[in-house]
């Protein structure tokens, strides 16, 4: 959340924080939907679904990491040494 407030333009900090929390809620929704299928799906299929979602998310992160890195620029996440 600290990165969101540092990287967002000052006018959009509130909106970006809202998107952050919406993303968290969406992740919880997906986890709940998968967890709700624990009783009805055989375990190999359930864990296969979890695996596919995880790999898909990882691939999206890899695809978008360079463009996002270019947008961020030279941001120092560590406080300056004193």
PDB file of N, CA and C in Angstrom:
ATOM      1  N   UNK A   1       0.822  -1.170   0.000  1.00  0.00           N
ATOM      2  CA  UNK A   1       0.000   0.000   0.000  1.00  0.00           C
ATOM      3  C   UNK A   1       0.875   1.246   0.000  1.00  0.00           C
ATOM      4  N   UNK A   2       2.034   1.140   0.596  1.00  0.00           N
ATOM      5  CA  UNK A   2       2.940   2.272   0.608  1.00  0.00           C
ATOM      6  C   UNK A   2       3.375   2.629  -0.811  1.00  0.00           C
ATOM      7  N   UNK A   3       3.635   1.615  -1.621  1.00  0.00           N
ATOM      8  CA  UNK A   3       4.034   1.872  -3.010  1.00  0.00           C
ATOM      9  C   UNK A   3       2.911   2.537  -3.787  1.00  0.00           C
ATOM     10  N   UNK A   4       1.667   2.166  -3.495  1.00  0.00           N
ATOM     11  CA  UNK A   4       0.537   2.781  -4.184  1.00  0.00           C
ATOM     12  C   UNK A   4       0.506   4.276  -3.887  1.00  0.00           C
ATOM     13  N   UNK A   5       0.665   4.638  -2.644  1.00  0.00           N
ATOM     14  CA  UNK A   5       0.620   6.060  -2.298  1.00  0.00           C
ATOM     15  C   UNK A   5       1.842   6.809  -2.819  1.00  0.00           C
ATOM     16  N   UNK A   6       2.982   6.140  -2.928  1.00  0.00           N
ATOM     17  CA  UNK A   6       4.187   6.800  -3.443  1.00  0.00           C
ATOM     18  C   UNK A   6       4.119   6.997  -4.953  1.00  0.00           C
ATOM     19  N   UNK A   7       3.586   6.002  -5.680  1.00  0.00           N
ATOM     20  CA  UNK A   7       3.663   6.014  -7.133  1.00  0.00           C
ATOM     21  C   UNK A   7       2.465   6.666  -7.803  1.00  0.00           C
ATOM     22  N   UNK A   8       1.330   6.728  -7.127  1.00  0.00           N
ATOM     23  CA  UNK A   8       0.138   7.307  -7.743  1.00  0.00           C
ATOM     24  C   UNK A   8       0.259   8.826  -7.797  1.00  0.00           C
ATOM     25  N   UNK A   9      -0.263   9.425  -8.865  1.00  0.00           N
ATOM     26  CA  UNK A   9      -0.320  10.891  -8.876  1.00  0.00           C
ATOM     27  C   UNK A   9      -1.163  11.379  -7.699  1.00  0.00           C
ATOM     28  N   UNK A  10      -0.810  12.524  -7.151  1.00  0.00           N
ATOM     29  CA  UNK A  10      -1.463  13.026  -5.932  1.00  0.00           C
ATOM     30  C   UNK A  10      -2.981  13.113  -6.080  1.00  0.00           C
ATOM     31  N   UNK A  11      -3.461  13.441  -7.280  1.00  0.00           N
ATOM     32  CA  UNK A  11      -4.903  13.566  -7.489  1.00  0.00           C
ATOM     33  C   UNK A  11      -5.617  12.229  -7.423  1.00  0.00           C
ATOM     34  N   UNK A  12      -4.905  11.125  -7.677  1.00  0.00           N
ATOM     35  CA  UNK A  12      -5.540   9.824  -7.810  1.00  0.00           C
ATOM     36  C   UNK A  12      -5.199   8.853  -6.694  1.00  0.00           C
ATOM     37  N   UNK A  13      -4.608   9.308  -5.615  1.00  0.00           N
ATOM     38  CA  UNK A  13      -4.199   8.405  -4.538  1.00  0.00           C
ATOM     39  C   UNK A  13      -5.414   7.677  -3.966  1.00  0.00           C
ATOM     40  N   UNK A  14      -6.504   8.388  -3.739  1.00  0.00           N
ATOM     41  CA  UNK A  14      -7.707   7.754  -3.195  1.00  0.00           C
ATOM     42  C   UNK A  14      -8.271   6.694  -4.124  1.00  0.00           C
ATOM     43  N   UNK A  15      -8.300   6.992  -5.416  1.00  0.00           N
ATOM     44  CA  UNK A  15      -8.798   6.019  -6.386  1.00  0.00           C
ATOM     45  C   UNK A  15      -7.883   4.798  -6.466  1.00  0.00           C
ATOM     46  N   UNK A  16      -6.587   5.027  -6.434  1.00  0.00           N
ATOM     47  CA  UNK A  16      -5.649   3.903  -6.505  1.00  0.00           C
ATOM     48  C   UNK A  16      -5.754   3.015  -5.267  1.00  0.00           C
ATOM     49  N   UNK A  17      -5.969   3.613  -4.111  1.00  0.00           N
ATOM     50  CA  UNK A  17      -6.161   2.816  -2.902  1.00  0.00           C
ATOM     51  C   UNK A  17      -7.453   2.016  -3.006  1.00  0.00           C
ATOM     52  N   UNK A  18      -8.492   2.592  -3.601  1.00  0.00           N
ATOM     53  CA  UNK A  18      -9.732   1.859  -3.826  1.00  0.00           C
ATOM     54  C   UNK A  18      -9.516   0.677  -4.746  1.00  0.00           C
ATOM     55  N   UNK A  19      -8.712   0.866  -5.790  1.00  0.00           N
ATOM     56  CA  UNK A  19      -8.405  -0.240  -6.705  1.00  0.00           C
ATOM     57  C   UNK A  19      -7.596  -1.308  -5.985  1.00  0.00           C
ATOM     58  N   UNK A  20      -6.687  -0.893  -5.110  1.00  0.00           N
ATOM     59  CA  UNK A  20      -5.907  -1.854  -4.317  1.00  0.00           C
ATOM     60  C   UNK A  20      -6.838  -2.749  -3.500  1.00  0.00           C
ATOM     61  N   UNK A  21      -7.779  -2.131  -2.785  1.00  0.00           N
ATOM     62  CA  UNK A  21      -8.694  -2.908  -1.955  1.00  0.00           C
ATOM     63  C   UNK A  21      -9.661  -3.733  -2.800  1.00  0.00           C
ATOM     64  N   UNK A  22     -10.036  -3.232  -3.980  1.00  0.00           N
ATOM     65  CA  UNK A  22     -10.903  -4.008  -4.872  1.00  0.00           C
ATOM     66  C   UNK A  22     -10.163  -5.251  -5.367  1.00  0.00           C
ATOM     67  N   UNK A  23      -8.880  -5.115  -5.659  1.00  0.00           N
ATOM     68  CA  UNK A  23      -8.087  -6.272  -6.064  1.00  0.00           C
ATOM     69  C   UNK A  23      -7.972  -7.300  -4.954  1.00  0.00           C
ATOM     70  N   UNK A  24      -7.816  -6.822  -3.738  1.00  0.00           N
ATOM     71  CA  UNK A  24      -7.769  -7.727  -2.590  1.00  0.00           C
ATOM     72  C   UNK A  24      -9.098  -8.453  -2.417  1.00  0.00           C
ATOM     73  N   UNK A  25     -10.198  -7.739  -2.581  1.00  0.00           N
ATOM     74  CA  UNK A  25     -11.519  -8.358  -2.468  1.00  0.00           C
ATOM     75  C   UNK A  25     -11.746  -9.385  -3.575  1.00  0.00           C
ATOM     76  N   UNK A  26     -11.282  -9.089  -4.781  1.00  0.00           N
ATOM     77  CA  UNK A  26     -11.427 -10.027  -5.889  1.00  0.00           C
ATOM     78  C   UNK A  26     -10.626 -11.299  -5.625  1.00  0.00           C
ATOM     79  N   UNK A  27      -9.433 -11.146  -5.084  1.00  0.00           N
ATOM     80  CA  UNK A  27      -8.630 -12.322  -4.731  1.00  0.00           C
ATOM     81  C   UNK A  27      -9.306 -13.170  -3.671  1.00  0.00           C
ATOM     82  N   UNK A  28      -9.916 -12.522  -2.674  1.00  0.00           N
ATOM     83  CA  UNK A  28     -10.648 -13.261  -1.650  1.00  0.00           C
ATOM     84  C   UNK A  28     -11.869 -13.964  -2.235  1.00  0.00           C
ATOM     85  N   UNK A  29     -12.543 -13.324  -3.191  1.00  0.00           N
ATOM     86  CA  UNK A  29     -13.698 -13.938  -3.836  1.00  0.00           C
ATOM     87  C   UNK A  29     -13.279 -15.201  -4.588  1.00  0.00           C
ATOM     88  N   UNK A  30     -12.201 -15.109  -5.352  1.00  0.00           N
ATOM     89  CA  UNK A  30     -11.729 -16.275  -6.114  1.00  0.00           C
ATOM     90  C   UNK A  30     -11.317 -17.392  -5.166  1.00  0.00           C
ATOM     91  N   UNK A  31     -10.622 -17.050  -4.082  1.00  0.00           N
ATOM     92  CA  UNK A  31     -10.228 -18.068  -3.102  1.00  0.00           C
ATOM     93  C   UNK A  31     -11.453 -18.713  -2.461  1.00  0.00           C
ATOM     94  N   UNK A  32     -12.474 -17.925  -2.170  1.00  0.00           N
ATOM     95  CA  UNK A  32     -13.685 -18.472  -1.581  1.00  0.00           C
ATOM     96  C   UNK A  32     -14.433 -19.378  -2.533  1.00  0.00           C
ATOM     97  N   UNK A  33     -14.484 -18.990  -3.806  1.00  0.00           N
ATOM     98  CA  UNK A  33     -15.159 -19.835  -4.792  1.00  0.00           C
ATOM     99  C   UNK A  33     -14.434 -21.165  -4.961  1.00  0.00           C
ATOM    100  N   UNK A  34     -13.111 -21.123  -5.005  1.00  0.00           N
ATOM    101  CA  UNK A  34     -12.351 -22.375  -5.109  1.00  0.00           C
ATOM    102  C   UNK A  34     -12.481 -23.202  -3.837  1.00  0.00           C
ATOM    103  N   UNK A  35     -12.431 -22.546  -2.689  1.00  0.00           N
ATOM    104  CA  UNK A  35     -12.565 -23.260  -1.423  1.00  0.00           C
ATOM    105  C   UNK A  35     -13.950 -23.875  -1.262  1.00  0.00           C
ATOM    106  N   UNK A  36     -14.970 -23.237  -1.823  1.00  0.00           N
ATOM    107  CA  UNK A  36     -16.326 -23.770  -1.758  1.00  0.00           C
ATOM    108  C   UNK A  36     -16.507 -25.037  -2.570  1.00  0.00           C
ATOM    109  N   UNK A  37     -15.612 -25.284  -3.507  1.00  0.00           N
ATOM    110  CA  UNK A  37     -15.695 -26.487  -4.327  1.00  0.00           C
ATOM    111  C   UNK A  37     -14.911 -27.645  -3.722  1.00  0.00           C
ATOM    112  N   UNK A  38     -14.391 -27.456  -2.536  1.00  0.00           N
ATOM    113  CA  UNK A  38     -13.564 -28.485  -1.902  1.00  0.00           C
ATOM    114  C   UNK A  38     -14.332 -29.786  -1.729  1.00  0.00           C
ATOM    115  N   UNK A  39     -15.615 -29.701  -1.367  1.00  0.00           N
ATOM    116  CA  UNK A  39     -16.416 -30.899  -1.138  1.00  0.00           C
ATOM    117  C   UNK A  39     -16.837 -31.564  -2.437  1.00  0.00           C
ATOM    118  N   UNK A  40     -17.103 -30.780  -3.496  1.00  0.00           N
ATOM    119  CA  UNK A  40     -17.697 -31.346  -4.704  1.00  0.00           C
ATOM    120  C   UNK A  40     -16.675 -31.808  -5.735  1.00  0.00           C
ATOM    121  N   UNK A  41     -15.501 -31.220  -5.764  1.00  0.00           N
ATOM    122  CA  UNK A  41     -14.497 -31.602  -6.763  1.00  0.00           C
ATOM    123  C   UNK A  41     -13.541 -32.639  -6.189  1.00  0.00           C
ATOM    124  N   UNK A  42     -13.100 -33.569  -7.020  1.00  0.00           N
ATOM    125  CA  UNK A  42     -12.015 -34.446  -6.560  1.00  0.00           C
ATOM    126  C   UNK A  42     -10.742 -33.615  -6.352  1.00  0.00           C
ATOM    127  N   UNK A  43      -9.936 -34.014  -5.395  1.00  0.00           N
ATOM    128  CA  UNK A  43      -8.749 -33.224  -5.050  1.00  0.00           C
ATOM    129  C   UNK A  43      -7.810 -32.966  -6.223  1.00  0.00           C
ATOM    130  N   UNK A  44      -7.529 -33.949  -7.096  1.00  0.00           N
ATOM    131  CA  UNK A  44      -6.629 -33.620  -8.214  1.00  0.00           C
ATOM    132  C   UNK A  44      -7.176 -32.513  -9.109  1.00  0.00           C
ATOM    133  N   UNK A  45      -8.494 -32.503  -9.324  1.00  0.00           N
ATOM    134  CA  UNK A  45      -9.074 -31.449 -10.163  1.00  0.00           C
ATOM    135  C   UNK A  45      -9.049 -30.099  -9.449  1.00  0.00           C
ATOM    136  N   UNK A  46      -9.336 -30.093  -8.145  1.00  0.00           N
ATOM    137  CA  UNK A  46      -9.301 -28.857  -7.371  1.00  0.00           C
ATOM    138  C   UNK A  46      -7.907 -28.254  -7.367  1.00  0.00           C
ATOM    139  N   UNK A  47      -6.904 -29.070  -7.077  1.00  0.00           N
ATOM    140  CA  UNK A  47      -5.539 -28.558  -7.051  1.00  0.00           C
ATOM    141  C   UNK A  47      -5.044 -28.222  -8.450  1.00  0.00           C
ATOM    142  N   UNK A  48      -5.564 -28.914  -9.473  1.00  0.00           N
ATOM    143  CA  UNK A  48      -5.243 -28.551 -10.850  1.00  0.00           C
ATOM    144  C   UNK A  48      -5.765 -27.160 -11.187  1.00  0.00           C
ATOM    145  N   UNK A  49      -6.998 -26.863 -10.734  1.00  0.00           N
ATOM    146  CA  UNK A  49      -7.555 -25.522 -10.953  1.00  0.00           C
ATOM    147  C   UNK A  49      -6.722 -24.462 -10.248  1.00  0.00           C
ATOM    148  N   UNK A  50      -6.349 -24.728  -9.020  1.00  0.00           N
ATOM    149  CA  UNK A  50      -5.525 -23.777  -8.267  1.00  0.00           C
ATOM    150  C   UNK A  50      -4.184 -23.574  -8.963  1.00  0.00           C
ATOM    151  N   UNK A  51      -3.602 -24.657  -9.456  1.00  0.00           N
ATOM    152  CA  UNK A  51      -2.330 -24.571 -10.171  1.00  0.00           C
ATOM    153  C   UNK A  51      -2.462 -23.718 -11.429  1.00  0.00           C
ATOM    154  N   UNK A  52      -3.522 -23.948 -12.203  1.00  0.00           N
ATOM    155  CA  UNK A  52      -3.695 -23.196 -13.442  1.00  0.00           C
ATOM    156  C   UNK A  52      -3.917 -21.705 -13.173  1.00  0.00           C
ATOM    157  N   UNK A  53      -4.690 -21.377 -12.157  1.00  0.00           N
ATOM    158  CA  UNK A  53      -4.907 -19.972 -11.816  1.00  0.00           C
ATOM    159  C   UNK A  53      -3.594 -19.332 -11.367  1.00  0.00           C
ATOM    160  N   UNK A  54      -2.803 -20.060 -10.572  1.00  0.00           N
ATOM    161  CA  UNK A  54      -1.526 -19.522 -10.094  1.00  0.00           C
ATOM    162  C   UNK A  54      -0.549 -19.300 -11.242  1.00  0.00           C
ATOM    163  N   UNK A  55      -0.470 -20.258 -12.157  1.00  0.00           N
ATOM    164  CA  UNK A  55       0.432 -20.114 -13.303  1.00  0.00           C
ATOM    165  C   UNK A  55      -0.036 -18.971 -14.200  1.00  0.00           C
ATOM    166  N   UNK A  56      -1.347 -18.851 -14.408  1.00  0.00           N
ATOM    167  CA  UNK A  56      -1.877 -17.761 -15.224  1.00  0.00           C
ATOM    168  C   UNK A  56      -1.551 -16.400 -14.617  1.00  0.00           C
ATOM    169  N   UNK A  57      -1.731 -16.276 -13.304  1.00  0.00           N
ATOM    170  CA  UNK A  57      -1.410 -15.011 -12.634  1.00  0.00           C
ATOM    171  C   UNK A  57       0.090 -14.732 -12.720  1.00  0.00           C
ATOM    172  N   UNK A  58       0.907 -15.754 -12.546  1.00  0.00           N
ATOM    173  CA  UNK A  58       2.355 -15.568 -12.645  1.00  0.00           C
ATOM    174  C   UNK A  58       2.780 -15.116 -14.032  1.00  0.00           C
ATOM    175  N   UNK A  59       2.163 -15.695 -15.066  1.00  0.00           N
ATOM    176  CA  UNK A  59       2.483 -15.284 -16.430  1.00  0.00           C
ATOM    177  C   UNK A  59       2.069 -13.833 -16.683  1.00  0.00           C
ATOM    178  N   UNK A  60       0.907 -13.443 -16.165  1.00  0.00           N
ATOM    179  CA  UNK A  60       0.494 -12.046 -16.307  1.00  0.00           C
ATOM    180  C   UNK A  60       1.483 -11.113 -15.620  1.00  0.00           C
ATOM    181  N   UNK A  61       1.955 -11.488 -14.442  1.00  0.00           N
ATOM    182  CA  UNK A  61       2.951 -10.672 -13.748  1.00  0.00           C
ATOM    183  C   UNK A  61       4.233 -10.571 -14.556  1.00  0.00           C
ATOM    184  N   UNK A  62       4.672 -11.672 -15.149  1.00  0.00           N
ATOM    185  CA  UNK A  62       5.889 -11.634 -15.961  1.00  0.00           C
ATOM    186  C   UNK A  62       5.711 -10.767 -17.202  1.00  0.00           C
ATOM    187  N   UNK A  63       4.551 -10.877 -17.845  1.00  0.00           N
ATOM    188  CA  UNK A  63       4.302 -10.097 -19.057  1.00  0.00           C
ATOM    189  C   UNK A  63       4.291  -8.606 -18.755  1.00  0.00           C
ATOM    190  N   UNK A  64       3.657  -8.217 -17.638  1.00  0.00           N
ATOM    191  CA  UNK A  64       3.493  -6.802 -17.344  1.00  0.00           C
ATOM    192  C   UNK A  64       4.605  -6.221 -16.471  1.00  0.00           C
ATOM    193  N   UNK A  65       5.587  -7.015 -16.044  1.00  0.00           N
ATOM    194  CA  UNK A  65       6.605  -6.490 -15.141  1.00  0.00           C
ATOM    195  C   UNK A  65       7.489  -5.431 -15.799  1.00  0.00           C
ATOM    196  N   UNK A  66       7.905  -5.642 -17.040  1.00  0.00           N
ATOM    197  CA  UNK A  66       8.765  -4.648 -17.695  1.00  0.00           C
ATOM    198  C   UNK A  66       8.016  -3.351 -18.001  1.00  0.00           C
ATOM    199  N   UNK A  67       6.800  -3.407 -18.582  1.00  0.00           N
ATOM    200  CA  UNK A  67       6.096  -2.134 -18.805  1.00  0.00           C
ATOM    201  C   UNK A  67       5.815  -1.379 -17.510  1.00  0.00           C
ATOM    202  N   UNK A  68       5.475  -2.083 -16.459  1.00  0.00           N
ATOM    203  CA  UNK A  68       5.220  -1.414 -15.183  1.00  0.00           C
ATOM    204  C   UNK A  68       6.521  -0.845 -14.628  1.00  0.00           C
ATOM    205  N   UNK A  69       7.621  -1.574 -14.780  1.00  0.00           N
ATOM    206  CA  UNK A  69       8.920  -1.066 -14.338  1.00  0.00           C
ATOM    207  C   UNK A  69       9.313   0.208 -15.057  1.00  0.00           C
ATOM    208  N   UNK A  70       8.980   0.287 -16.354  1.00  0.00           N
ATOM    209  CA  UNK A  70       9.276   1.516 -17.101  1.00  0.00           C
ATOM    210  C   UNK A  70       8.411   2.670 -16.619  1.00  0.00           C
ATOM    211  N   UNK A  71       7.161   2.377 -16.279  1.00  0.00           N
ATOM    212  CA  UNK A  71       6.275   3.435 -15.786  1.00  0.00           C
ATOM    213  C   UNK A  71       6.726   3.944 -14.417  1.00  0.00           C
ATOM    214  N   UNK A  72       7.240   3.039 -13.588  1.00  0.00           N
ATOM    215  CA  UNK A  72       7.671   3.421 -12.244  1.00  0.00           C
ATOM    216  C   UNK A  72       8.904   4.312 -12.314  1.00  0.00           C
ATOM    217  N   UNK A  73       9.818   3.975 -13.196  1.00  0.00           N
ATOM    218  CA  UNK A  73      11.034   4.770 -13.318  1.00  0.00           C
ATOM    219  C   UNK A  73      12.032   4.416 -12.230  1.00  0.00           C
ATOM    220  N   UNK A  74      12.759   5.417 -11.771  1.00  0.00           N
ATOM    221  CA  UNK A  74      13.809   5.211 -10.786  1.00  0.00           C
ATOM    222  C   UNK A  74      13.281   5.581  -9.412  1.00  0.00           C
ATOM    223  N   UNK A  75      12.498   4.692  -8.823  1.00  0.00           N
ATOM    224  CA  UNK A  75      11.931   4.915  -7.484  1.00  0.00           C
ATOM    225  C   UNK A  75      12.764   4.135  -6.490  1.00  0.00           C
ATOM    226  N   UNK A  76      13.226   4.827  -5.449  1.00  0.00           N
ATOM    227  CA  UNK A  76      13.996   4.185  -4.398  1.00  0.00           C
ATOM    228  C   UNK A  76      13.024   3.792  -3.293  1.00  0.00           C
ATOM    229  N   UNK A  77      12.854   2.479  -3.080  1.00  0.00           N
ATOM    230  CA  UNK A  77      11.920   1.998  -2.078  1.00  0.00           C
ATOM    231  C   UNK A  77      12.524   1.985  -0.672  1.00  0.00           C
ATOM    232  N   UNK A  78      13.819   2.088  -0.573  1.00  0.00           N
ATOM    233  CA  UNK A  78      14.470   2.072   0.731  1.00  0.00           C
ATOM    234  C   UNK A  78      14.708   3.497   1.210  1.00  0.00           C
ATOM    235  N   UNK A  79      14.585   3.738   2.501  1.00  0.00           N
ATOM    236  CA  UNK A  79      14.888   5.088   2.991  1.00  0.00           C
ATOM    237  C   UNK A  79      16.370   5.378   2.828  1.00  0.00           C
ATOM    238  N   UNK A  80      16.729   6.641   2.672  1.00  0.00           N
ATOM    239  CA  UNK A  80      18.141   6.993   2.496  1.00  0.00           C
ATOM    240  C   UNK A  80      18.951   6.626   3.741  1.00  0.00           C
ATOM    241  N   UNK A  81      20.168   6.186   3.514  1.00  0.00           N
ATOM    242  CA  UNK A  81      21.054   5.823   4.637  1.00  0.00           C
ATOM    243  C   UNK A  81      21.464   7.081   5.386  1.00  0.00           C
ATOM    244  N   UNK A  82      21.486   6.981   6.711  1.00  0.00           N
ATOM    245  CA  UNK A  82      21.846   8.174   7.483  1.00  0.00           C
ATOM    246  C   UNK A  82      23.185   8.013   8.156  1.00  0.00           C
TER     247      UNK A  82
END
